[in-house]
All heavy atoms as atom14 arrays in JSON, in Angstrom:
{
  "sequence": "TEQSPPVWRRSRLVVTAFCAALCVAPGQVHAFELFGIKLFGSDEPE",
  "atom14_mask": [
    [1, 1, 1, 1, 1, 1, 1, 0, 0, 0, 0, 0, 0, 0],
    [1, 1, 1, 1, 1, 1, 1, 1, 1, 0, 0, 0, 0, 0],
    [1, 1, 1, 1, 1, 1, 1, 1, 1, 0, 0, 0, 0, 0],
    [1, 1, 1, 1, 1, 1, 0, 0, 0, 0, 0, 0, 0, 0],
    [1, 1, 1, 1, 1, 1, 1, 0, 0, 0, 0, 0, 0, 0],
    [1, 1, 1, 1, 1, 1, 1, 0, 0, 0, 0, 0, 0, 0],
    [1, 1, 1, 1, 1, 1, 1, 0, 0, 0, 0, 0, 0, 0],
    [1, 1, 1, 1, 1, 1, 1, 1, 1, 1, 1, 1, 1, 1],
    [1, 1, 1, 1, 1, 1, 1, 1, 1, 1, 1, 0, 0, 0],
    [1, 1, 1, 1, 1, 1, 1, 1, 1, 1, 1, 0, 0, 0],
    [1, 1, 1, 1, 1, 1, 0, 0, 0, 0, 0, 0, 0, 0],
    [1, 1, 1, 1, 1, 1, 1, 1, 1, 1, 1, 0, 0, 0],
    [1, 1, 1, 1, 1, 1, 1, 1, 0, 0, 0, 0, 0, 0],
    [1, 1, 1, 1, 1, 1, 1, 0, 0, 0, 0, 0, 0, 0],
    [1, 1, 1, 1, 1, 1, 1, 0, 0, 0, 0, 0, 0, 0],
    [1, 1, 1, 1, 1, 1, 1, 0, 0, 0, 0, 0, 0, 0],
    [1, 1, 1, 1, 1, 0, 0, 0, 0, 0, 0, 0, 0, 0],
    [1, 1, 1, 1, 1, 1, 1, 1, 1, 1, 1, 0, 0, 0],
    [1, 1, 1, 1, 1, 1, 0, 0, 0, 0, 0, 0, 0, 0],
    [1, 1, 1, 1, 1, 0, 0, 0, 0, 0, 0, 0, 0, 0],
    [1, 1, 1, 1, 1, 0, 0, 0, 0, 0, 0, 0, 0, 0],
    [1, 1, 1, 1, 1, 1, 1, 1, 0, 0, 0, 0, 0, 0],
    [1, 1, 1, 1, 1, 1, 0, 0, 0, 0, 0, 0, 0, 0],
    [1, 1, 1, 1, 1, 1, 1, 0, 0, 0, 0, 0, 0, 0],
    [1, 1, 1, 1, 1, 0, 0, 0, 0, 0, 0, 0, 0, 0],
    [1, 1, 1, 1, 1, 1, 1, 0, 0, 0, 0, 0, 0, 0],
    [1, 1, 1, 1, 0, 0, 0, 0, 0, 0, 0, 0, 0, 0],
    [1, 1, 1, 1, 1, 1, 1, 1, 1, 0, 0, 0, 0, 0],
    [1, 1, 1, 1, 1, 1, 1, 0, 0, 0, 0, 0, 0, 0],
    [1, 1, 1, 1, 1, 1, 1, 1, 1, 1, 0, 0, 0, 0],
    [1, 1, 1, 1, 1, 0, 0, 0, 0, 0, 0, 0, 0, 0],
    [1, 1, 1, 1, 1, 1, 1, 1, 1, 1, 1, 0, 0, 0],
    [1, 1, 1, 1, 1, 1, 1, 1, 1, 0, 0, 0, 0, 0],
    [1, 1, 1, 1, 1, 1, 1, 1, 0, 0, 0, 0, 0, 0],
    [1, 1, 1, 1, 1, 1, 1, 1, 1, 1, 1, 0, 0, 0],
    [1, 1, 1, 1, 0, 0, 0, 0, 0, 0, 0, 0, 0, 0],
    [1, 1, 1, 1, 1, 1, 1, 1, 0, 0, 0, 0, 0, 0],
    [1, 1, 1, 1, 1, 1, 1, 1, 1, 0, 0, 0, 0, 0],
    [1, 1, 1, 1, 1, 1, 1, 1, 0, 0, 0, 0, 0, 0],
    [1, 1, 1, 1, 1, 1, 1, 1, 1, 1, 1, 0, 0, 0],
    [1, 1, 1, 1, 0, 0, 0, 0, 0, 0, 0, 0, 0, 0],
    [1, 1, 1, 1, 1, 1, 0, 0, 0, 0, 0, 0, 0, 0],
    [1, 1, 1, 1, 1, 1, 1, 1, 0, 0, 0, 0, 0, 0],
    [1, 1, 1, 1, 1, 1, 1, 1, 1, 0, 0, 0, 0, 0],
    [1, 1, 1, 1, 1, 1, 1, 0, 0, 0, 0, 0, 0, 0],
    [1, 1, 1, 1, 1, 1, 1, 1, 1, 0, 0, 0, 0, 0]
  ],
  "atom14_positions": [
    [[104.61, 123.88, 142.17], [105.77, 124.07, 141.3], [105.37, 124.79, 140.04], [104.27, 124.64, 139.53], [106.41, 122.72, 140.92], [105.47, 121.96, 140.19], [106.85, 121.96, 142.15], [0.0, 0.0, 0.0], [0.0, 0.0, 0.0], [0.0, 0.0, 0.0], [0.0, 0.0, 0.0], [0.0, 0.0, 0.0], [0.0, 0.0, 0.0], [0.0, 0.0, 0.0]],
    [[106.27, 125.63, 139.54], [106.12, 126.21, 138.22], [106.9, 125.32, 137.26], [108.1, 125.1, 137.44], [106.66, 127.64, 138.2], [105.84, 128.58, 139.07], [106.5, 129.93, 139.17], [107.58, 130.09, 138.6], [105.93, 130.82, 139.81], [0.0, 0.0, 0.0], [0.0, 0.0, 0.0], [0.0, 0.0, 0.0], [0.0, 0.0, 0.0], [0.0, 0.0, 0.0]],
    [[106.27, 124.78, 136.25], [106.91, 123.85, 135.33], [108.08, 124.54, 134.66], [107.98, 125.67, 134.21], [105.86, 123.4, 134.3], [106.29, 122.15, 133.55], [105.19, 121.75, 132.63], [105.02, 122.37, 131.59], [104.47, 120.7, 132.99], [0.0, 0.0, 0.0], [0.0, 0.0, 0.0], [0.0, 0.0, 0.0], [0.0, 0.0, 0.0], [0.0, 0.0, 0.0]],
    [[109.22, 123.86, 134.54], [110.42, 124.52, 134.05], [111.34, 123.52, 133.36], [111.25, 122.32, 133.58], [111.16, 125.15, 135.22], [111.47, 124.17, 136.18], [0.0, 0.0, 0.0], [0.0, 0.0, 0.0], [0.0, 0.0, 0.0], [0.0, 0.0, 0.0], [0.0, 0.0, 0.0], [0.0, 0.0, 0.0], [0.0, 0.0, 0.0], [0.0, 0.0, 0.0]],
    [[112.29, 124.03, 132.57], [113.29, 123.15, 131.98], [114.18, 122.57, 133.07], [114.26, 123.12, 134.17], [114.08, 124.09, 131.05], [113.18, 125.26, 130.83], [112.39, 125.39, 132.07], [0.0, 0.0, 0.0], [0.0, 0.0, 0.0], [0.0, 0.0, 0.0], [0.0, 0.0, 0.0], [0.0, 0.0, 0.0], [0.0, 0.0, 0.0], [0.0, 0.0, 0.0]],
    [[114.9, 121.49, 132.78], [115.73, 120.85, 133.8], [116.81, 121.76, 134.36], [117.28, 121.55, 135.47], [116.34, 119.65, 133.06], [115.4, 119.37, 131.92], [114.86, 120.71, 131.53], [0.0, 0.0, 0.0], [0.0, 0.0, 0.0], [0.0, 0.0, 0.0], [0.0, 0.0, 0.0], [0.0, 0.0, 0.0], [0.0, 0.0, 0.0], [0.0, 0.0, 0.0]],
    [[117.21, 122.82, 133.62], [118.3, 123.67, 134.1], [117.85, 124.6, 135.21], [118.67, 125.28, 135.81], [118.88, 124.52, 132.94], [119.49, 123.62, 131.89], [117.79, 125.39, 132.32], [0.0, 0.0, 0.0], [0.0, 0.0, 0.0], [0.0, 0.0, 0.0], [0.0, 0.0, 0.0], [0.0, 0.0, 0.0], [0.0, 0.0, 0.0], [0.0, 0.0, 0.0]],
    [[116.54, 124.65, 135.48], [116.06, 125.55, 136.53], [116.51, 125.07, 137.89], [116.58, 123.88, 138.17], [114.54, 125.63, 136.51], [114.04, 126.62, 135.5], [114.66, 127.02, 134.37], [112.81, 127.31, 135.56], [113.92, 127.91, 133.7], [112.76, 128.11, 134.41], [111.75, 127.33, 136.46], [111.69, 128.94, 134.15], [110.68, 128.14, 136.19], [110.65, 128.95, 135.04]],
    [[116.79, 126.05, 138.75], [117.1, 125.75, 140.13], [115.8, 125.6, 140.9], [114.9, 126.41, 140.77], [117.93, 126.9, 140.73], [118.31, 126.68, 142.19], [119.14, 127.84, 142.7], [118.35, 129.05, 142.77], [118.85, 130.27, 142.7], [120.13, 130.44, 142.49], [118.06, 131.31, 142.81], [0.0, 0.0, 0.0], [0.0, 0.0, 0.0], [0.0, 0.0, 0.0]],
    [[115.66, 124.57, 141.72], [114.47, 124.36, 142.53], [114.8, 124.71, 143.97], [115.83, 124.33, 144.5], [113.99, 122.91, 142.44], [113.51, 122.53, 141.04], [112.99, 121.11, 141.01], [112.52, 120.77, 139.68], [111.3, 121.0, 139.24], [110.43, 121.6, 140.02], [110.94, 120.65, 138.02], [0.0, 0.0, 0.0], [0.0, 0.0, 0.0], [0.0, 0.0, 0.0]],
    [[113.91, 125.45, 144.63], [114.11, 125.82, 146.03], [112.87, 125.44, 146.81], [111.76, 125.54, 146.31], [114.36, 127.33, 146.16], [113.28, 128.04, 145.66], [0.0, 0.0, 0.0], [0.0, 0.0, 0.0], [0.0, 0.0, 0.0], [0.0, 0.0, 0.0], [0.0, 0.0, 0.0], [0.0, 0.0, 0.0], [0.0, 0.0, 0.0], [0.0, 0.0, 0.0]],
    [[113.03, 125.0, 148.04], [111.92, 124.58, 148.88], [111.74, 125.61, 149.98], [112.67, 125.91, 150.72], [112.19, 123.21, 149.48], [110.94, 122.58, 150.11], [111.15, 121.09, 150.32], [109.96, 120.43, 150.79], [108.99, 120.01, 150.03], [109.04, 120.22, 148.74], [107.94, 119.39, 150.54], [0.0, 0.0, 0.0], [0.0, 0.0, 0.0], [0.0, 0.0, 0.0]],
    [[110.51, 126.17, 150.09], [110.21, 127.21, 151.06], [109.32, 126.64, 152.13], [108.4, 125.89, 151.85], [109.5, 128.39, 150.38], [110.28, 129.04, 149.23], [109.41, 130.08, 148.57], [111.56, 129.65, 149.74], [0.0, 0.0, 0.0], [0.0, 0.0, 0.0], [0.0, 0.0, 0.0], [0.0, 0.0, 0.0], [0.0, 0.0, 0.0], [0.0, 0.0, 0.0]],
    [[109.55, 127.01, 153.38], [108.74, 126.55, 154.49], [108.24, 127.76, 155.26], [109.02, 128.6, 155.68], [109.56, 125.64, 155.44], [108.69, 125.18, 156.59], [110.1, 124.45, 154.68], [0.0, 0.0, 0.0], [0.0, 0.0, 0.0], [0.0, 0.0, 0.0], [0.0, 0.0, 0.0], [0.0, 0.0, 0.0], [0.0, 0.0, 0.0], [0.0, 0.0, 0.0]],
    [[106.91, 127.89, 155.43], [106.3, 128.92, 156.25], [105.73, 128.2, 157.46], [104.78, 127.44, 157.34], [105.18, 129.65, 155.49], [104.62, 130.74, 156.37], [105.72, 130.22, 154.21], [0.0, 0.0, 0.0], [0.0, 0.0, 0.0], [0.0, 0.0, 0.0], [0.0, 0.0, 0.0], [0.0, 0.0, 0.0], [0.0, 0.0, 0.0], [0.0, 0.0, 0.0]],
    [[106.27, 128.47, 158.62], [106.05, 127.64, 159.8], [106.19, 126.2, 159.33], [107.29, 125.77, 158.98], [104.7, 127.94, 160.45], [103.66, 127.7, 159.52], [104.64, 129.37, 160.92], [0.0, 0.0, 0.0], [0.0, 0.0, 0.0], [0.0, 0.0, 0.0], [0.0, 0.0, 0.0], [0.0, 0.0, 0.0], [0.0, 0.0, 0.0], [0.0, 0.0, 0.0]],
    [[105.11, 125.42, 159.3], [105.25, 124.05, 158.82], [104.55, 123.85, 157.49], [104.26, 122.74, 157.09], [104.69, 123.09, 159.86], [0.0, 0.0, 0.0], [0.0, 0.0, 0.0], [0.0, 0.0, 0.0], [0.0, 0.0, 0.0], [0.0, 0.0, 0.0], [0.0, 0.0, 0.0], [0.0, 0.0, 0.0], [0.0, 0.0, 0.0], [0.0, 0.0, 0.0]],
    [[104.21, 124.97, 156.8], [103.54, 124.86, 155.5], [104.59, 124.75, 154.42], [105.42, 125.63, 154.26], [102.67, 126.1, 155.26], [101.79, 125.96, 154.05], [100.47, 125.61, 154.19], [102.3, 126.19, 152.79], [99.67, 125.49, 153.09], [101.49, 126.06, 151.69], [100.18, 125.71, 151.84], [0.0, 0.0, 0.0], [0.0, 0.0, 0.0], [0.0, 0.0, 0.0]],
    [[104.6, 123.64, 153.68], [105.64, 123.4, 152.68], [105.06, 123.6, 151.29], [104.03, 123.05, 150.97], [106.17, 121.97, 152.8], [106.85, 121.61, 154.43], [0.0, 0.0, 0.0], [0.0, 0.0, 0.0], [0.0, 0.0, 0.0], [0.0, 0.0, 0.0], [0.0, 0.0, 0.0], [0.0, 0.0, 0.0], [0.0, 0.0, 0.0], [0.0, 0.0, 0.0]],
    [[105.76, 124.41, 150.48], [105.35, 124.59, 149.1], [106.57, 124.74, 148.24], [107.41, 125.6, 148.52], [104.46, 125.84, 148.97], [0.0, 0.0, 0.0], [0.0, 0.0, 0.0], [0.0, 0.0, 0.0], [0.0, 0.0, 0.0], [0.0, 0.0, 0.0], [0.0, 0.0, 0.0], [0.0, 0.0, 0.0], [0.0, 0.0, 0.0], [0.0, 0.0, 0.0]],
    [[106.72, 123.91, 147.23], [107.88, 123.98, 146.34], [107.59, 124.95, 145.22], [106.58, 124.84, 144.56], [108.17, 122.59, 145.77], [0.0, 0.0, 0.0], [0.0, 0.0, 0.0], [0.0, 0.0, 0.0], [0.0, 0.0, 0.0], [0.0, 0.0, 0.0], [0.0, 0.0, 0.0], [0.0, 0.0, 0.0], [0.0, 0.0, 0.0], [0.0, 0.0, 0.0]],
    [[108.5, 125.91, 145.03], [108.32, 126.92, 143.99], [109.59, 126.97, 143.15], [110.67, 127.2, 143.69], [108.09, 128.3, 144.61], [106.78, 128.48, 145.37], [106.87, 129.71, 146.24], [105.65, 128.6, 144.4], [0.0, 0.0, 0.0], [0.0, 0.0, 0.0], [0.0, 0.0, 0.0], [0.0, 0.0, 0.0], [0.0, 0.0, 0.0], [0.0, 0.0, 0.0]],
    [[109.47, 126.74, 141.85], [110.63, 126.81, 140.98], [110.73, 128.2, 140.4], [109.77, 128.7, 139.83], [110.5, 125.8, 139.84], [110.62, 124.11, 140.42], [0.0, 0.0, 0.0], [0.0, 0.0, 0.0], [0.0, 0.0, 0.0], [0.0, 0.0, 0.0], [0.0, 0.0, 0.0], [0.0, 0.0, 0.0], [0.0, 0.0, 0.0], [0.0, 0.0, 0.0]],
    [[111.88, 128.85, 140.51], [112.07, 130.2, 140.02], [113.36, 130.25, 139.24], [114.33, 129.57, 139.55], [112.1, 131.21, 141.19], [110.77, 131.24, 141.88], [113.2, 130.86, 142.18], [0.0, 0.0, 0.0], [0.0, 0.0, 0.0], [0.0, 0.0, 0.0], [0.0, 0.0, 0.0], [0.0, 0.0, 0.0], [0.0, 0.0, 0.0], [0.0, 0.0, 0.0]],
    [[113.38, 131.09, 138.22], [114.59, 131.24, 137.42], [115.59, 132.1, 138.15], [115.22, 133.07, 138.82], [114.23, 131.87, 136.07], [0.0, 0.0, 0.0], [0.0, 0.0, 0.0], [0.0, 0.0, 0.0], [0.0, 0.0, 0.0], [0.0, 0.0, 0.0], [0.0, 0.0, 0.0], [0.0, 0.0, 0.0], [0.0, 0.0, 0.0], [0.0, 0.0, 0.0]],
    [[116.89, 131.83, 138.04], [117.9, 132.64, 138.71], [117.81, 134.08, 138.28], [117.7, 134.39, 137.1], [119.21, 131.99, 138.25], [118.83, 130.6, 137.82], [117.46, 130.71, 137.3], [0.0, 0.0, 0.0], [0.0, 0.0, 0.0], [0.0, 0.0, 0.0], [0.0, 0.0, 0.0], [0.0, 0.0, 0.0], [0.0, 0.0, 0.0], [0.0, 0.0, 0.0]],
    [[117.84, 134.98, 139.27], [117.83, 136.4, 138.98], [116.49, 136.96, 138.64], [116.35, 138.15, 138.37], [0.0, 0.0, 0.0], [0.0, 0.0, 0.0], [0.0, 0.0, 0.0], [0.0, 0.0, 0.0], [0.0, 0.0, 0.0], [0.0, 0.0, 0.0], [0.0, 0.0, 0.0], [0.0, 0.0, 0.0], [0.0, 0.0, 0.0], [0.0, 0.0, 0.0]],
    [[115.43, 136.14, 138.62], [114.11, 136.63, 138.26], [113.11, 136.33, 139.37], [112.07, 135.75, 139.16], [113.65, 135.96, 136.96], [114.54, 136.23, 135.77], [114.58, 137.7, 135.42], [113.62, 138.42, 135.68], [115.67, 138.16, 134.83], [0.0, 0.0, 0.0], [0.0, 0.0, 0.0], [0.0, 0.0, 0.0], [0.0, 0.0, 0.0], [0.0, 0.0, 0.0]],
    [[113.45, 136.71, 140.6], [112.59, 136.44, 141.74], [111.71, 137.65, 141.99], [112.21, 138.76, 142.14], [113.43, 136.11, 143.0], [112.52, 135.81, 144.16], [114.35, 134.93, 142.7], [0.0, 0.0, 0.0], [0.0, 0.0, 0.0], [0.0, 0.0, 0.0], [0.0, 0.0, 0.0], [0.0, 0.0, 0.0], [0.0, 0.0, 0.0], [0.0, 0.0, 0.0]],
    [[110.4, 137.46, 142.05], [109.45, 138.53, 142.3], [108.78, 138.31, 143.64], [108.81, 137.23, 144.21], [108.39, 138.58, 141.19], [109.0, 138.82, 139.85], [109.46, 140.05, 139.46], [109.25, 137.97, 138.81], [109.95, 139.97, 138.23], [109.84, 138.72, 137.82], [0.0, 0.0, 0.0], [0.0, 0.0, 0.0], [0.0, 0.0, 0.0], [0.0, 0.0, 0.0]],
    [[108.14, 139.35, 144.16], [107.5, 139.25, 145.47], [106.33, 138.29, 145.42], [105.58, 138.26, 144.45], [107.02, 140.63, 145.92], [0.0, 0.0, 0.0], [0.0, 0.0, 0.0], [0.0, 0.0, 0.0], [0.0, 0.0, 0.0], [0.0, 0.0, 0.0], [0.0, 0.0, 0.0], [0.0, 0.0, 0.0], [0.0, 0.0, 0.0], [0.0, 0.0, 0.0]],
    [[106.19, 137.51, 146.5], [105.03, 136.62, 146.62], [104.61, 136.56, 148.08], [105.46, 136.44, 148.96], [105.34, 135.21, 146.12], [104.15, 134.3, 146.19], [103.15, 134.39, 145.24], [104.02, 133.39, 147.22], [102.04, 133.58, 145.3], [102.91, 132.57, 147.28], [101.92, 132.66, 146.32], [0.0, 0.0, 0.0], [0.0, 0.0, 0.0], [0.0, 0.0, 0.0]],
    [[103.3, 136.67, 148.33], [102.78, 136.64, 149.68], [101.83, 135.46, 149.84], [101.07, 135.13, 148.92], [102.04, 137.93, 150.02], [102.95, 139.14, 150.11], [102.22, 140.36, 150.61], [101.05, 140.21, 151.0], [102.8, 141.45, 150.62], [0.0, 0.0, 0.0], [0.0, 0.0, 0.0], [0.0, 0.0, 0.0], [0.0, 0.0, 0.0], [0.0, 0.0, 0.0]],
    [[101.86, 134.85, 151.02], [100.94, 133.79, 151.38], [100.48, 134.02, 152.8], [101.31, 134.2, 153.7], [101.62, 132.42, 151.26], [100.78, 131.21, 151.68], [99.59, 131.07, 150.73], [101.63, 129.95, 151.66], [0.0, 0.0, 0.0], [0.0, 0.0, 0.0], [0.0, 0.0, 0.0], [0.0, 0.0, 0.0], [0.0, 0.0, 0.0], [0.0, 0.0, 0.0]],
    [[99.13, 134.07, 153.01], [98.56, 134.33, 154.34], [99.08, 135.65, 154.9], [99.3, 135.8, 156.1], [98.88, 133.19, 155.31], [98.46, 131.85, 154.81], [99.33, 130.79, 154.79], [97.17, 131.66, 154.33], [98.93, 129.56, 154.31], [96.76, 130.43, 153.85], [97.65, 129.38, 153.84], [0.0, 0.0, 0.0], [0.0, 0.0, 0.0], [0.0, 0.0, 0.0]],
    [[99.32, 136.66, 154.0], [99.75, 137.96, 154.47], [101.23, 138.07, 154.75], [101.71, 139.11, 155.19], [0.0, 0.0, 0.0], [0.0, 0.0, 0.0], [0.0, 0.0, 0.0], [0.0, 0.0, 0.0], [0.0, 0.0, 0.0], [0.0, 0.0, 0.0], [0.0, 0.0, 0.0], [0.0, 0.0, 0.0], [0.0, 0.0, 0.0], [0.0, 0.0, 0.0]],
    [[102.0, 136.98, 154.52], [103.44, 137.0, 154.78], [104.17, 137.02, 153.45], [103.9, 136.21, 152.56], [103.88, 135.77, 155.59], [103.2, 135.77, 156.96], [105.39, 135.73, 155.75], [103.53, 134.56, 157.78], [0.0, 0.0, 0.0], [0.0, 0.0, 0.0], [0.0, 0.0, 0.0], [0.0, 0.0, 0.0], [0.0, 0.0, 0.0], [0.0, 0.0, 0.0]],
    [[105.14, 137.95, 153.28], [105.94, 137.97, 152.07], [106.97, 136.86, 152.17], [107.8, 136.82, 153.08], [106.61, 139.34, 151.9], [107.37, 139.42, 150.58], [108.04, 140.77, 150.41], [107.05, 141.85, 150.06], [106.66, 142.64, 151.18], [0.0, 0.0, 0.0], [0.0, 0.0, 0.0], [0.0, 0.0, 0.0], [0.0, 0.0, 0.0], [0.0, 0.0, 0.0]],
    [[106.93, 135.92, 151.21], [107.86, 134.81, 151.24], [109.2, 135.19, 150.64], [110.25, 134.74, 151.1], [107.27, 133.62, 150.49], [105.92, 133.1, 151.03], [105.52, 131.85, 150.27], [106.01, 132.82, 152.5], [0.0, 0.0, 0.0], [0.0, 0.0, 0.0], [0.0, 0.0, 0.0], [0.0, 0.0, 0.0], [0.0, 0.0, 0.0], [0.0, 0.0, 0.0]],
    [[109.19, 135.96, 149.57], [110.45, 136.36, 148.95], [110.18, 137.54, 148.05], [109.05, 137.85, 147.7], [111.07, 135.21, 148.14], [110.18, 134.65, 147.07], [110.08, 135.27, 145.83], [109.44, 133.51, 147.31], [109.27, 134.75, 144.85], [108.62, 132.99, 146.32], [108.53, 133.6, 145.09], [0.0, 0.0, 0.0], [0.0, 0.0, 0.0], [0.0, 0.0, 0.0]],
    [[111.27, 138.23, 147.65], [111.16, 139.29, 146.67], [110.92, 140.64, 147.27], [110.86, 140.82, 148.49], [0.0, 0.0, 0.0], [0.0, 0.0, 0.0], [0.0, 0.0, 0.0], [0.0, 0.0, 0.0], [0.0, 0.0, 0.0], [0.0, 0.0, 0.0], [0.0, 0.0, 0.0], [0.0, 0.0, 0.0], [0.0, 0.0, 0.0], [0.0, 0.0, 0.0]],
    [[110.77, 141.64, 146.43], [110.58, 143.02, 146.84], [109.19, 143.48, 146.47], [108.45, 142.79, 145.79], [111.62, 143.92, 146.16], [111.37, 143.98, 144.76], [0.0, 0.0, 0.0], [0.0, 0.0, 0.0], [0.0, 0.0, 0.0], [0.0, 0.0, 0.0], [0.0, 0.0, 0.0], [0.0, 0.0, 0.0], [0.0, 0.0, 0.0], [0.0, 0.0, 0.0]],
    [[108.87, 144.7, 146.91], [107.56, 145.27, 146.6], [107.53, 145.93, 145.24], [106.49, 146.4, 144.81], [107.18, 146.3, 147.66], [106.86, 145.63, 148.98], [106.25, 144.55, 148.94], [107.22, 146.2, 150.03], [0.0, 0.0, 0.0], [0.0, 0.0, 0.0], [0.0, 0.0, 0.0], [0.0, 0.0, 0.0], [0.0, 0.0, 0.0], [0.0, 0.0, 0.0]],
    [[108.66, 146.04, 144.56], [108.68, 146.74, 143.29], [107.88, 145.96, 142.26], [108.09, 144.75, 142.08], [110.12, 146.91, 142.8], [110.97, 147.8, 143.71], [112.38, 147.94, 143.2], [112.65, 147.39, 142.11], [113.19, 148.6, 143.86], [0.0, 0.0, 0.0], [0.0, 0.0, 0.0], [0.0, 0.0, 0.0], [0.0, 0.0, 0.0], [0.0, 0.0, 0.0]],
    [[106.97, 146.61, 141.56], [106.14, 145.89, 140.59], [106.96, 145.43, 139.4], [107.92, 146.09, 138.99], [105.09, 146.93, 140.19], [105.73, 148.25, 140.45], [106.63, 148.04, 141.63], [0.0, 0.0, 0.0], [0.0, 0.0, 0.0], [0.0, 0.0, 0.0], [0.0, 0.0, 0.0], [0.0, 0.0, 0.0], [0.0, 0.0, 0.0], [0.0, 0.0, 0.0]],
    [[106.57, 144.26, 138.86], [107.32, 143.72, 137.74], [107.16, 144.57, 136.5], [107.91, 144.44, 135.56], [106.86, 142.28, 137.45], [105.43, 142.15, 136.98], [104.47, 142.05, 138.14], [104.9, 142.2, 139.28], [103.27, 141.85, 137.89], [0.0, 0.0, 0.0], [0.0, 0.0, 0.0], [0.0, 0.0, 0.0], [0.0, 0.0, 0.0], [0.0, 0.0, 0.0]]
  ]
}
């Protein structure tokens, strides 16, 4: 988890059966890869 204020939306992502909770701010989602798989976001650099 990314530590955040209570107003943050929390989303739970599952890669096959690998569970990792990642807190992201609305509208500020960036690309993230795990084990070579892009979980979310685009390739555009921040």
